[in-house]
Every structure is written in C-alpha cells, then in structure tokens.
Amino acid sequence: METGSRKKLEGNGLWESSRIILPEHKAALNKLFADDKKRKRIELDEQEWAIISQLVEASLKSRQEIKLQMFHATEKLEVIGIVDRVDQLNERFMVDGEWFKIRDIEGASIEH
C-alpha cells in the first residue's frame, strides 16, 4: 500500500463519498428554516388597543384614511384605506371592501 493513498473505509471515507439526504429529512430541514423566518405576533396592552379603537372609529365615522400595521407570519403587511364596517361579533373590520381580523392589528395611524 502506498503511503499517500487512503482506504475508502478509513476515517470517514465511506461517508464522505456517499452523502445523501432523504426526502423526509429535506422537508424537515426546509420546515425548520421556514419556521425561523416567521414573525412573532406582537401582544398589545389595553392602552394600545384603546388608541387603535379610537383611530378605527375615527376612520369609520369621519371617512378618514387610516394606516394599519397587520400581523402576517412571513412579511410586513400594511392596510391603508377607509374603514367601511366593523363586525364586532365576528371580530373583523372592512377596509375598501376587504375583511380583516381585528386581532391581527399591530398598530394604527391616521393618514393625512
């Protein structure tokens, strides 16, 4: 045997030459990386909810444009428009004909 050559089974030789990843493992890794990128929901206190409530009501009654920062798991989402309706029973509100969940609101401001 030559001094410079290396046997396939020495050290990590066998595993070095045959690295495979099972589809199940690949899916699990992809899910793990995706979970790391997800945003966490912000918990608002009562005072912040009171301010948001006032701004939503002002938009509804005065037809003022409002900008709402909304929770989304993977991206920054803003809703800009005039609040058309508030459905407290189903905990949702409508802006420009589209319904959104009240609990997804993370912040609000009146647009001038």
PDB file of N, CA and C in Angstrom:
ATOM      1  N   MET A   1       0.831  -1.183   0.000  1.00  0.00           N
ATOM      2  CA  MET A   1       0.000   0.000   0.000  1.00  0.00           C
ATOM      3  C   MET A   1       0.872   1.243   0.000  1.00  0.00           C
ATOM      4  N   GLU A   2       0.470   2.230  -0.772  1.00  0.00           N
ATOM      5  CA  GLU A   2       1.237   3.466  -0.865  1.00  0.00           C
ATOM      6  C   GLU A   2       0.973   4.312   0.372  1.00  0.00           C
ATOM      7  N   THR A   3       1.936   5.118   0.726  1.00  0.00           N
ATOM      8  CA  THR A   3       1.779   5.961   1.914  1.00  0.00           C
ATOM      9  C   THR A   3       0.853   7.131   1.651  1.00  0.00           C
ATOM     10  N   GLY A   4       0.729   7.611   0.426  1.00  0.00           N
ATOM     11  CA  GLY A   4      -0.097   8.764   0.095  1.00  0.00           C
ATOM     12  C   GLY A   4      -1.549   8.408  -0.155  1.00  0.00           C
ATOM     13  N   SER A   5      -1.861   7.127  -0.421  1.00  0.00           N
ATOM     14  CA  SER A   5      -3.250   6.755  -0.711  1.00  0.00           C
ATOM     15  C   SER A   5      -4.019   6.505   0.576  1.00  0.00           C
ATOM     16  N   ARG A   6      -5.326   6.524   0.443  1.00  0.00           N
ATOM     17  CA  ARG A   6      -6.182   6.360   1.621  1.00  0.00           C
ATOM     18  C   ARG A   6      -7.247   5.323   1.305  1.00  0.00           C
ATOM     19  N   LYS A   7      -7.494   4.436   2.231  1.00  0.00           N
ATOM     20  CA  LYS A   7      -8.521   3.427   2.015  1.00  0.00           C
ATOM     21  C   LYS A   7      -9.895   4.070   2.159  1.00  0.00           C
ATOM     22  N   LYS A   8     -10.865   3.524   1.435  1.00  0.00           N
ATOM     23  CA  LYS A   8     -12.217   4.076   1.453  1.00  0.00           C
ATOM     24  C   LYS A   8     -12.861   3.977   2.832  1.00  0.00           C
ATOM     25  N   LEU A   9     -12.565   2.951   3.582  1.00  0.00           N
ATOM     26  CA  LEU A   9     -13.208   2.750   4.879  1.00  0.00           C
ATOM     27  C   LEU A   9     -12.450   3.399   6.030  1.00  0.00           C
ATOM     28  N   GLU A  10     -11.316   4.017   5.770  1.00  0.00           N
ATOM     29  CA  GLU A  10     -10.564   4.670   6.834  1.00  0.00           C
ATOM     30  C   GLU A  10     -11.201   6.007   7.192  1.00  0.00           C
ATOM     31  N   GLY A  11     -11.122   6.378   8.423  1.00  0.00           N
ATOM     32  CA  GLY A  11     -11.645   7.675   8.856  1.00  0.00           C
ATOM     33  C   GLY A  11     -13.122   7.783   8.526  1.00  0.00           C
ATOM     34  N   ASN A  12     -13.464   8.775   7.769  1.00  0.00           N
ATOM     35  CA  ASN A  12     -14.852   8.992   7.370  1.00  0.00           C
ATOM     36  C   ASN A  12     -14.997   8.802   5.856  1.00  0.00           C
ATOM     37  N   GLY A  13     -14.102   8.054   5.274  1.00  0.00           N
ATOM     38  CA  GLY A  13     -14.034   7.898   3.829  1.00  0.00           C
ATOM     39  C   GLY A  13     -15.306   7.406   3.188  1.00  0.00           C
ATOM     40  N   LEU A  14     -15.943   6.387   3.738  1.00  0.00           N
ATOM     41  CA  LEU A  14     -17.166   5.844   3.153  1.00  0.00           C
ATOM     42  C   LEU A  14     -18.279   6.891   3.164  1.00  0.00           C
ATOM     43  N   TRP A  15     -18.412   7.587   4.279  1.00  0.00           N
ATOM     44  CA  TRP A  15     -19.493   8.583   4.388  1.00  0.00           C
ATOM     45  C   TRP A  15     -19.177   9.832   3.586  1.00  0.00           C
ATOM     46  N   GLU A  16     -17.909  10.180   3.462  1.00  0.00           N
ATOM     47  CA  GLU A  16     -17.520  11.338   2.672  1.00  0.00           C
ATOM     48  C   GLU A  16     -17.940  11.179   1.215  1.00  0.00           C
ATOM     49  N   SER A  17     -17.897   9.940   0.711  1.00  0.00           N
ATOM     50  CA  SER A  17     -18.189   9.725  -0.699  1.00  0.00           C
ATOM     51  C   SER A  17     -19.661   9.446  -0.974  1.00  0.00           C
ATOM     52  N   SER A  18     -20.458   9.306   0.052  1.00  0.00           N
ATOM     53  CA  SER A  18     -21.863   8.939  -0.187  1.00  0.00           C
ATOM     54  C   SER A  18     -22.817   9.764   0.670  1.00  0.00           C
ATOM     55  N   ARG A  19     -22.794  11.047   0.503  1.00  0.00           N
ATOM     56  CA  ARG A  19     -23.708  11.916   1.263  1.00  0.00           C
ATOM     57  C   ARG A  19     -25.027  12.009   0.523  1.00  0.00           C
ATOM     58  N   ILE A  20     -26.069  11.494   1.125  1.00  0.00           N
ATOM     59  CA  ILE A  20     -27.406  11.584   0.553  1.00  0.00           C
ATOM     60  C   ILE A  20     -28.324  12.142   1.629  1.00  0.00           C
ATOM     61  N   ILE A  21     -29.365  12.805   1.169  1.00  0.00           N
ATOM     62  CA  ILE A  21     -30.366  13.300   2.108  1.00  0.00           C
ATOM     63  C   ILE A  21     -31.722  12.748   1.680  1.00  0.00           C
ATOM     64  N   LEU A  22     -32.386  12.144   2.625  1.00  0.00           N
ATOM     65  CA  LEU A  22     -33.700  11.571   2.339  1.00  0.00           C
ATOM     66  C   LEU A  22     -34.719  12.690   2.138  1.00  0.00           C
ATOM     67  N   PRO A  23     -35.734  12.457   1.318  1.00  0.00           N
ATOM     68  CA  PRO A  23     -36.759  13.492   1.094  1.00  0.00           C
ATOM     69  C   PRO A  23     -37.419  13.952   2.396  1.00  0.00           C
ATOM     70  N   GLU A  24     -37.615  13.014   3.328  1.00  0.00           N
ATOM     71  CA  GLU A  24     -38.230  13.375   4.616  1.00  0.00           C
ATOM     72  C   GLU A  24     -37.330  14.330   5.399  1.00  0.00           C
ATOM     73  N   HIS A  25     -36.019  14.067   5.337  1.00  0.00           N
ATOM     74  CA  HIS A  25     -35.082  14.934   6.049  1.00  0.00           C
ATOM     75  C   HIS A  25     -35.006  16.307   5.395  1.00  0.00           C
ATOM     76  N   LYS A  26     -35.042  16.335   4.066  1.00  0.00           N
ATOM     77  CA  LYS A  26     -35.019  17.607   3.346  1.00  0.00           C
ATOM     78  C   LYS A  26     -36.249  18.442   3.686  1.00  0.00           C
ATOM     79  N   ALA A  27     -37.419  17.798   3.721  1.00  0.00           N
ATOM     80  CA  ALA A  27     -38.659  18.502   4.065  1.00  0.00           C
ATOM     81  C   ALA A  27     -38.594  19.040   5.490  1.00  0.00           C
ATOM     82  N   ALA A  28     -38.055  18.249   6.412  1.00  0.00           N
ATOM     83  CA  ALA A  28     -37.938  18.685   7.805  1.00  0.00           C
ATOM     84  C   ALA A  28     -36.990  19.874   7.922  1.00  0.00           C
ATOM     85  N   LEU A  29     -35.871  19.842   7.195  1.00  0.00           N
ATOM     86  CA  LEU A  29     -34.926  20.968   7.214  1.00  0.00           C
ATOM     87  C   LEU A  29     -35.559  22.229   6.629  1.00  0.00           C
ATOM     88  N   ASN A  30     -36.275  22.078   5.522  1.00  0.00           N
ATOM     89  CA  ASN A  30     -36.947  23.228   4.904  1.00  0.00           C
ATOM     90  C   ASN A  30     -37.967  23.839   5.857  1.00  0.00           C
ATOM     91  N   LYS A  31     -38.714  23.005   6.563  1.00  0.00           N
ATOM     92  CA  LYS A  31     -39.702  23.497   7.528  1.00  0.00           C
ATOM     93  C   LYS A  31     -39.012  24.227   8.677  1.00  0.00           C
ATOM     94  N   LEU A  32     -37.908  23.678   9.140  1.00  0.00           N
ATOM     95  CA  LEU A  32     -37.157  24.302  10.232  1.00  0.00           C
ATOM     96  C   LEU A  32     -36.657  25.687   9.830  1.00  0.00           C
ATOM     97  N   PHE A  33     -36.096  25.808   8.620  1.00  0.00           N
ATOM     98  CA  PHE A  33     -35.625  27.108   8.148  1.00  0.00           C
ATOM     99  C   PHE A  33     -36.786  28.077   7.944  1.00  0.00           C
ATOM    100  N   ALA A  34     -37.920  27.594   7.456  1.00  0.00           N
ATOM    101  CA  ALA A  34     -39.095  28.452   7.252  1.00  0.00           C
ATOM    102  C   ALA A  34     -39.632  28.946   8.588  1.00  0.00           C
ATOM    103  N   ASP A  35     -39.646  28.071   9.604  1.00  0.00           N
ATOM    104  CA  ASP A  35     -40.128  28.459  10.931  1.00  0.00           C
ATOM    105  C   ASP A  35     -39.251  29.543  11.542  1.00  0.00           C
ATOM    106  N   ASP A  36     -37.950  29.498  11.262  1.00  0.00           N
ATOM    107  CA  ASP A  36     -37.037  30.518  11.786  1.00  0.00           C
ATOM    108  C   ASP A  36     -37.327  31.893  11.206  1.00  0.00           C
ATOM    109  N   LYS A  37     -37.846  31.938   9.969  1.00  0.00           N
ATOM    110  CA  LYS A  37     -38.121  33.205   9.304  1.00  0.00           C
ATOM    111  C   LYS A  37     -39.470  33.797   9.685  1.00  0.00           C
ATOM    112  N   LYS A  38     -40.326  33.029  10.353  1.00  0.00           N
ATOM    113  CA  LYS A  38     -41.666  33.512  10.687  1.00  0.00           C
ATOM    114  C   LYS A  38     -41.599  34.609  11.741  1.00  0.00           C
ATOM    115  N   ARG A  39     -42.449  35.609  11.572  1.00  0.00           N
ATOM    116  CA  ARG A  39     -42.571  36.691  12.540  1.00  0.00           C
ATOM    117  C   ARG A  39     -43.391  36.215  13.734  1.00  0.00           C
ATOM    118  N   LYS A  40     -43.148  36.793  14.851  1.00  0.00           N
ATOM    119  CA  LYS A  40     -43.918  36.500  16.060  1.00  0.00           C
ATOM    120  C   LYS A  40     -44.998  37.568  16.221  1.00  0.00           C
ATOM    121  N   ARG A  41     -46.162  37.157  16.717  1.00  0.00           N
ATOM    122  CA  ARG A  41     -47.275  38.086  16.928  1.00  0.00           C
ATOM    123  C   ARG A  41     -46.950  39.023  18.092  1.00  0.00           C
ATOM    124  N   ILE A  42     -47.211  40.317  17.890  1.00  0.00           N
ATOM    125  CA  ILE A  42     -46.999  41.324  18.933  1.00  0.00           C
ATOM    126  C   ILE A  42     -48.218  41.347  19.849  1.00  0.00           C
ATOM    127  N   GLU A  43     -47.987  41.337  21.144  1.00  0.00           N
ATOM    128  CA  GLU A  43     -49.074  41.433  22.118  1.00  0.00           C
ATOM    129  C   GLU A  43     -49.235  42.897  22.518  1.00  0.00           C
ATOM    130  N   LEU A  44     -50.417  43.462  22.280  1.00  0.00           N
ATOM    131  CA  LEU A  44     -50.695  44.854  22.622  1.00  0.00           C
ATOM    132  C   LEU A  44     -51.375  44.939  23.984  1.00  0.00           C
ATOM    133  N   ASP A  45     -51.075  46.013  24.731  1.00  0.00           N
ATOM    134  CA  ASP A  45     -51.739  46.191  26.015  1.00  0.00           C
ATOM    135  C   ASP A  45     -53.059  46.953  25.821  1.00  0.00           C
ATOM    136  N   GLU A  46     -53.812  47.130  26.895  1.00  0.00           N
ATOM    137  CA  GLU A  46     -55.138  47.762  26.826  1.00  0.00           C
ATOM    138  C   GLU A  46     -55.073  49.196  26.302  1.00  0.00           C
ATOM    139  N   GLN A  47     -54.046  49.933  26.701  1.00  0.00           N
ATOM    140  CA  GLN A  47     -53.908  51.318  26.262  1.00  0.00           C
ATOM    141  C   GLN A  47     -53.693  51.383  24.747  1.00  0.00           C
ATOM    142  N   GLU A  48     -52.860  50.504  24.207  1.00  0.00           N
ATOM    143  CA  GLU A  48     -52.627  50.482  22.764  1.00  0.00           C
ATOM    144  C   GLU A  48     -53.900  50.091  22.009  1.00  0.00           C
ATOM    145  N   TRP A  49     -54.663  49.125  22.545  1.00  0.00           N
ATOM    146  CA  TRP A  49     -55.935  48.749  21.915  1.00  0.00           C
ATOM    147  C   TRP A  49     -56.934  49.903  21.947  1.00  0.00           C
ATOM    148  N   ALA A  50     -56.912  50.687  23.037  1.00  0.00           N
ATOM    149  CA  ALA A  50     -57.817  51.835  23.135  1.00  0.00           C
ATOM    150  C   ALA A  50     -57.494  52.871  22.058  1.00  0.00           C
ATOM    151  N   ILE A  51     -56.219  53.126  21.826  1.00  0.00           N
ATOM    152  CA  ILE A  51     -55.805  54.086  20.791  1.00  0.00           C
ATOM    153  C   ILE A  51     -56.200  53.567  19.411  1.00  0.00           C
ATOM    154  N   ILE A  52     -55.937  52.294  19.155  1.00  0.00           N
ATOM    155  CA  ILE A  52     -56.303  51.694  17.859  1.00  0.00           C
ATOM    156  C   ILE A  52     -57.806  51.773  17.651  1.00  0.00           C
ATOM    157  N   SER A  53     -58.564  51.483  18.689  1.00  0.00           N
ATOM    158  CA  SER A  53     -60.023  51.534  18.610  1.00  0.00           C
ATOM    159  C   SER A  53     -60.505  52.939  18.248  1.00  0.00           C
ATOM    160  N   GLN A  54     -59.912  53.966  18.867  1.00  0.00           N
ATOM    161  CA  GLN A  54     -60.282  55.347  18.574  1.00  0.00           C
ATOM    162  C   GLN A  54     -59.966  55.706  17.123  1.00  0.00           C
ATOM    163  N   LEU A  55     -58.823  55.269  16.631  1.00  0.00           N
ATOM    164  CA  LEU A  55     -58.430  55.586  15.256  1.00  0.00           C
ATOM    165  C   LEU A  55     -59.325  54.871  14.244  1.00  0.00           C
ATOM    166  N   VAL A  56     -59.680  53.622  14.526  1.00  0.00           N
ATOM    167  CA  VAL A  56     -60.578  52.884  13.638  1.00  0.00           C
ATOM    168  C   VAL A  56     -61.948  53.548  13.622  1.00  0.00           C
ATOM    169  N   GLU A  57     -62.427  53.957  14.797  1.00  0.00           N
ATOM    170  CA  GLU A  57     -63.722  54.632  14.892  1.00  0.00           C
ATOM    171  C   GLU A  57     -63.695  55.977  14.151  1.00  0.00           C
ATOM    172  N   ALA A  58     -62.585  56.711  14.268  1.00  0.00           N
ATOM    173  CA  ALA A  58     -62.457  57.987  13.556  1.00  0.00           C
ATOM    174  C   ALA A  58     -62.486  57.773  12.046  1.00  0.00           C
ATOM    175  N   SER A  59     -61.840  56.730  11.588  1.00  0.00           N
ATOM    176  CA  SER A  59     -61.846  56.425  10.156  1.00  0.00           C
ATOM    177  C   SER A  59     -63.243  56.056   9.695  1.00  0.00           C
ATOM    178  N   LEU A  60     -63.951  55.281  10.512  1.00  0.00           N
ATOM    179  CA  LEU A  60     -65.301  54.835  10.169  1.00  0.00           C
ATOM    180  C   LEU A  60     -66.280  56.016  10.123  1.00  0.00           C
ATOM    181  N   LYS A  61     -66.258  56.864  11.150  1.00  0.00           N
ATOM    182  CA  LYS A  61     -67.229  57.952  11.252  1.00  0.00           C
ATOM    183  C   LYS A  61     -66.880  59.158  10.384  1.00  0.00           C
ATOM    184  N   SER A  62     -65.596  59.522  10.330  1.00  0.00           N
ATOM    185  CA  SER A  62     -65.184  60.731   9.611  1.00  0.00           C
ATOM    186  C   SER A  62     -64.695  60.450   8.198  1.00  0.00           C
ATOM    187  N   ARG A  63     -64.682  59.164   7.833  1.00  0.00           N
ATOM    188  CA  ARG A  63     -64.211  58.754   6.497  1.00  0.00           C
ATOM    189  C   ARG A  63     -62.774  59.200   6.258  1.00  0.00           C
ATOM    190  N   GLN A  64     -61.953  59.124   7.319  1.00  0.00           N
ATOM    191  CA  GLN A  64     -60.533  59.451   7.225  1.00  0.00           C
ATOM    192  C   GLN A  64     -59.756  58.197   6.841  1.00  0.00           C
ATOM    193  N   GLU A  65     -58.709  58.381   6.045  1.00  0.00           N
ATOM    194  CA  GLU A  65     -57.862  57.243   5.666  1.00  0.00           C
ATOM    195  C   GLU A  65     -56.995  56.841   6.853  1.00  0.00           C
ATOM    196  N   ILE A  66     -56.890  55.542   7.073  1.00  0.00           N
ATOM    197  CA  ILE A  66     -56.126  55.001   8.183  1.00  0.00           C
ATOM    198  C   ILE A  66     -55.069  54.056   7.640  1.00  0.00           C
ATOM    199  N   LYS A  67     -53.947  53.987   8.357  1.00  0.00           N
ATOM    200  CA  LYS A  67     -52.906  53.012   8.011  1.00  0.00           C
ATOM    201  C   LYS A  67     -52.782  52.049   9.179  1.00  0.00           C
ATOM    202  N   LEU A  68     -52.999  50.767   8.909  1.00  0.00           N
ATOM    203  CA  LEU A  68     -52.950  49.743   9.944  1.00  0.00           C
ATOM    204  C   LEU A  68     -51.790  48.791   9.676  1.00  0.00           C
ATOM    205  N   GLN A  69     -50.960  48.576  10.688  1.00  0.00           N
ATOM    206  CA  GLN A  69     -49.917  47.563  10.594  1.00  0.00           C
ATOM    207  C   GLN A  69     -50.550  46.246  11.044  1.00  0.00           C
ATOM    208  N   MET A  70     -50.490  45.250  10.172  1.00  0.00           N
ATOM    209  CA  MET A  70     -51.163  43.986  10.421  1.00  0.00           C
ATOM    210  C   MET A  70     -50.151  42.861  10.604  1.00  0.00           C
ATOM    211  N   PHE A  71     -50.537  41.873  11.404  1.00  0.00           N
ATOM    212  CA  PHE A  71     -49.681  40.697  11.577  1.00  0.00           C
ATOM    213  C   PHE A  71     -49.773  39.807  10.343  1.00  0.00           C
ATOM    214  N   HIS A  72     -48.637  39.355   9.881  1.00  0.00           N
ATOM    215  CA  HIS A  72     -48.540  38.313   8.865  1.00  0.00           C
ATOM    216  C   HIS A  72     -47.295  37.517   9.214  1.00  0.00           C
ATOM    217  N   ALA A  73     -47.369  36.202   9.089  1.00  0.00           N
ATOM    218  CA  ALA A  73     -46.293  35.328   9.548  1.00  0.00           C
ATOM    219  C   ALA A  73     -44.970  35.534   8.814  1.00  0.00           C
ATOM    220  N   THR A  74     -45.015  35.905   7.546  1.00  0.00           N
ATOM    221  CA  THR A  74     -43.769  35.938   6.790  1.00  0.00           C
ATOM    222  C   THR A  74     -43.400  37.287   6.194  1.00  0.00           C
ATOM    223  N   GLU A  75     -44.291  38.267   6.250  1.00  0.00           N
ATOM    224  CA  GLU A  75     -43.964  39.557   5.648  1.00  0.00           C
ATOM    225  C   GLU A  75     -44.567  40.703   6.442  1.00  0.00           C
ATOM    226  N   LYS A  76     -44.079  41.904   6.167  1.00  0.00           N
ATOM    227  CA  LYS A  76     -44.627  43.108   6.792  1.00  0.00           C
ATOM    228  C   LYS A  76     -45.847  43.524   5.983  1.00  0.00           C
ATOM    229  N   LEU A  77     -46.989  43.650   6.646  1.00  0.00           N
ATOM    230  CA  LEU A  77     -48.238  43.923   5.946  1.00  0.00           C
ATOM    231  C   LEU A  77     -48.881  45.181   6.500  1.00  0.00           C
ATOM    232  N   GLU A  78     -49.279  46.085   5.596  1.00  0.00           N
ATOM    233  CA  GLU A  78     -49.997  47.297   5.977  1.00  0.00           C
ATOM    234  C   GLU A  78     -51.283  47.376   5.180  1.00  0.00           C
ATOM    235  N   VAL A  79     -52.332  47.830   5.849  1.00  0.00           N
ATOM    236  CA  VAL A  79     -53.609  48.068   5.198  1.00  0.00           C
ATOM    237  C   VAL A  79     -53.839  49.571   5.258  1.00  0.00           C
ATOM    238  N   ILE A  80     -54.021  50.180   4.094  1.00  0.00           N
ATOM    239  CA  ILE A  80     -54.244  51.627   4.022  1.00  0.00           C
ATOM    240  C   ILE A  80     -55.567  51.856   3.310  1.00  0.00           C
ATOM    241  N   GLY A  81     -56.455  52.614   3.958  1.00  0.00           N
ATOM    242  CA  GLY A  81     -57.749  52.904   3.362  1.00  0.00           C
ATOM    243  C   GLY A  81     -58.711  53.441   4.396  1.00  0.00           C
ATOM    244  N   ILE A  82     -59.987  53.451   4.049  1.00  0.00           N
ATOM    245  CA  ILE A  82     -61.036  53.938   4.937  1.00  0.00           C
ATOM    246  C   ILE A  82     -61.818  52.736   5.459  1.00  0.00           C
ATOM    247  N   VAL A  83     -62.035  52.717   6.764  1.00  0.00           N
ATOM    248  CA  VAL A  83     -62.792  51.622   7.372  1.00  0.00           C
ATOM    249  C   VAL A  83     -64.255  51.776   6.963  1.00  0.00           C
ATOM    250  N   ASP A  84     -64.798  50.737   6.321  1.00  0.00           N
ATOM    251  CA  ASP A  84     -66.189  50.755   5.868  1.00  0.00           C
ATOM    252  C   ASP A  84     -67.142  50.201   6.915  1.00  0.00           C
ATOM    253  N   ARG A  85     -66.738  49.129   7.568  1.00  0.00           N
ATOM    254  CA  ARG A  85     -67.601  48.463   8.557  1.00  0.00           C
ATOM    255  C   ARG A  85     -66.753  47.811   9.626  1.00  0.00           C
ATOM    256  N   VAL A  86     -67.352  47.643  10.810  1.00  0.00           N
ATOM    257  CA  VAL A  86     -66.741  46.881  11.897  1.00  0.00           C
ATOM    258  C   VAL A  86     -67.768  45.862  12.347  1.00  0.00           C
ATOM    259  N   ASP A  87     -67.382  44.596  12.345  1.00  0.00           N
ATOM    260  CA  ASP A  87     -68.234  43.491  12.764  1.00  0.00           C
ATOM    261  C   ASP A  87     -67.657  42.935  14.067  1.00  0.00           C
ATOM    262  N   GLN A  88     -68.163  43.463  15.200  1.00  0.00           N
ATOM    263  CA  GLN A  88     -67.616  43.063  16.494  1.00  0.00           C
ATOM    264  C   GLN A  88     -67.962  41.624  16.843  1.00  0.00           C
ATOM    265  N   LEU A  89     -69.090  41.128  16.365  1.00  0.00           N
ATOM    266  CA  LEU A  89     -69.489  39.748  16.647  1.00  0.00           C
ATOM    267  C   LEU A  89     -68.473  38.756  16.080  1.00  0.00           C
ATOM    268  N   ASN A  90     -68.025  39.001  14.860  1.00  0.00           N
ATOM    269  CA  ASN A  90     -67.048  38.114  14.220  1.00  0.00           C
ATOM    270  C   ASN A  90     -65.613  38.632  14.328  1.00  0.00           C
ATOM    271  N   GLU A  91     -65.428  39.708  15.104  1.00  0.00           N
ATOM    272  CA  GLU A  91     -64.117  40.303  15.367  1.00  0.00           C
ATOM    273  C   GLU A  91     -63.342  40.580  14.079  1.00  0.00           C
ATOM    274  N   ARG A  92     -63.971  41.370  13.206  1.00  0.00           N
ATOM    275  CA  ARG A  92     -63.337  41.718  11.938  1.00  0.00           C
ATOM    276  C   ARG A  92     -63.778  43.116  11.528  1.00  0.00           C
ATOM    277  N   PHE A  93     -63.054  43.685  10.573  1.00  0.00           N
ATOM    278  CA  PHE A  93     -63.391  45.005  10.051  1.00  0.00           C
ATOM    279  C   PHE A  93     -63.146  44.995   8.544  1.00  0.00           C
ATOM    280  N   MET A  94     -63.812  45.934   7.857  1.00  0.00           N
ATOM    281  CA  MET A  94     -63.702  46.001   6.403  1.00  0.00           C
ATOM    282  C   MET A  94     -63.038  47.312   5.998  1.00  0.00           C
ATOM    283  N   VAL A  95     -62.037  47.202   5.123  1.00  0.00           N
ATOM    284  CA  VAL A  95     -61.390  48.368   4.529  1.00  0.00           C
ATOM    285  C   VAL A  95     -61.453  48.183   3.027  1.00  0.00           C
ATOM    286  N   ASP A  96     -62.066  49.147   2.359  1.00  0.00           N
ATOM    287  CA  ASP A  96     -62.181  49.123   0.891  1.00  0.00           C
ATOM    288  C   ASP A  96     -62.722  47.788   0.371  1.00  0.00           C
ATOM    289  N   GLY A  97     -63.748  47.267   1.062  1.00  0.00           N
ATOM    290  CA  GLY A  97     -64.431  46.057   0.606  1.00  0.00           C
ATOM    291  C   GLY A  97     -63.771  44.742   0.987  1.00  0.00           C
ATOM    292  N   GLU A  98     -62.688  44.770   1.752  1.00  0.00           N
ATOM    293  CA  GLU A  98     -61.995  43.538   2.135  1.00  0.00           C
ATOM    294  C   GLU A  98     -61.990  43.394   3.655  1.00  0.00           C
ATOM    295  N   TRP A  99     -62.316  42.191   4.143  1.00  0.00           N
ATOM    296  CA  TRP A  99     -62.381  41.924   5.578  1.00  0.00           C
ATOM    297  C   TRP A  99     -61.010  41.550   6.139  1.00  0.00           C
ATOM    298  N   PHE A 100     -60.739  42.021   7.362  1.00  0.00           N
ATOM    299  CA  PHE A 100     -59.512  41.709   8.091  1.00  0.00           C
ATOM    300  C   PHE A 100     -59.874  41.375   9.531  1.00  0.00           C
ATOM    301  N   LYS A 101     -59.055  40.573  10.179  1.00  0.00           N
ATOM    302  CA  LYS A 101     -59.285  40.203  11.581  1.00  0.00           C
ATOM    303  C   LYS A 101     -58.773  41.306  12.501  1.00  0.00           C
ATOM    304  N   ILE A 102     -59.588  41.663  13.482  1.00  0.00           N
ATOM    305  CA  ILE A 102     -59.202  42.715  14.431  1.00  0.00           C
ATOM    306  C   ILE A 102     -57.964  42.298  15.209  1.00  0.00           C
ATOM    307  N   ARG A 103     -57.874  41.020  15.595  1.00  0.00           N
ATOM    308  CA  ARG A 103     -56.736  40.559  16.414  1.00  0.00           C
ATOM    309  C   ARG A 103     -55.402  40.617  15.678  1.00  0.00           C
ATOM    310  N   ASP A 104     -55.428  40.799  14.335  1.00  0.00           N
ATOM    311  CA  ASP A 104     -54.188  40.892  13.559  1.00  0.00           C
ATOM    312  C   ASP A 104     -53.606  42.303  13.518  1.00  0.00           C
ATOM    313  N   ILE A 105     -54.329  43.277  14.077  1.00  0.00           N
ATOM    314  CA  ILE A 105     -53.831  44.658  14.090  1.00  0.00           C
ATOM    315  C   ILE A 105     -52.664  44.760  15.068  1.00  0.00           C
ATOM    316  N   GLU A 106     -51.565  45.351  14.607  1.00  0.00           N
ATOM    317  CA  GLU A 106     -50.390  45.557  15.468  1.00  0.00           C
ATOM    318  C   GLU A 106     -50.117  47.039  15.723  1.00  0.00           C
ATOM    319  N   GLY A 107     -50.744  47.912  14.942  1.00  0.00           N
ATOM    320  CA  GLY A 107     -50.552  49.345  15.107  1.00  0.00           C
ATOM    321  C   GLY A 107     -51.423  50.105  14.141  1.00  0.00           C
ATOM    322  N   ALA A 108     -51.650  51.397  14.421  1.00  0.00           N
ATOM    323  CA  ALA A 108     -52.528  52.195  13.555  1.00  0.00           C
ATOM    324  C   ALA A 108     -52.112  53.659  13.604  1.00  0.00           C
ATOM    325  N   SER A 109     -52.373  54.345  12.490  1.00  0.00           N
ATOM    326  CA  SER A 109     -52.171  55.793  12.438  1.00  0.00           C
ATOM    327  C   SER A 109     -53.122  56.348  11.376  1.00  0.00           C
ATOM    328  N   ILE A 110     -53.527  57.601  11.584  1.00  0.00           N
ATOM    329  CA  ILE A 110     -54.416  58.278  10.628  1.00  0.00           C
ATOM    330  C   ILE A 110     -53.536  58.929   9.573  1.00  0.00           C
ATOM    331  N   GLU A 111     -53.861  58.672   8.316  1.00  0.00           N
ATOM    332  CA  GLU A 111     -53.135  59.268   7.191  1.00  0.00           C
ATOM    333  C   GLU A 111     -53.669  60.688   6.951  1.00  0.00           C
ATOM    334  N   HIS A 112     -52.789  61.612   6.661  1.00  0.00           N
ATOM    335  CA  HIS A 112     -53.208  62.997   6.391  1.00  0.00           C
ATOM    336  C   HIS A 112     -53.023  63.321   4.948  1.00  0.00           C
TER     337      HIS A 112
END
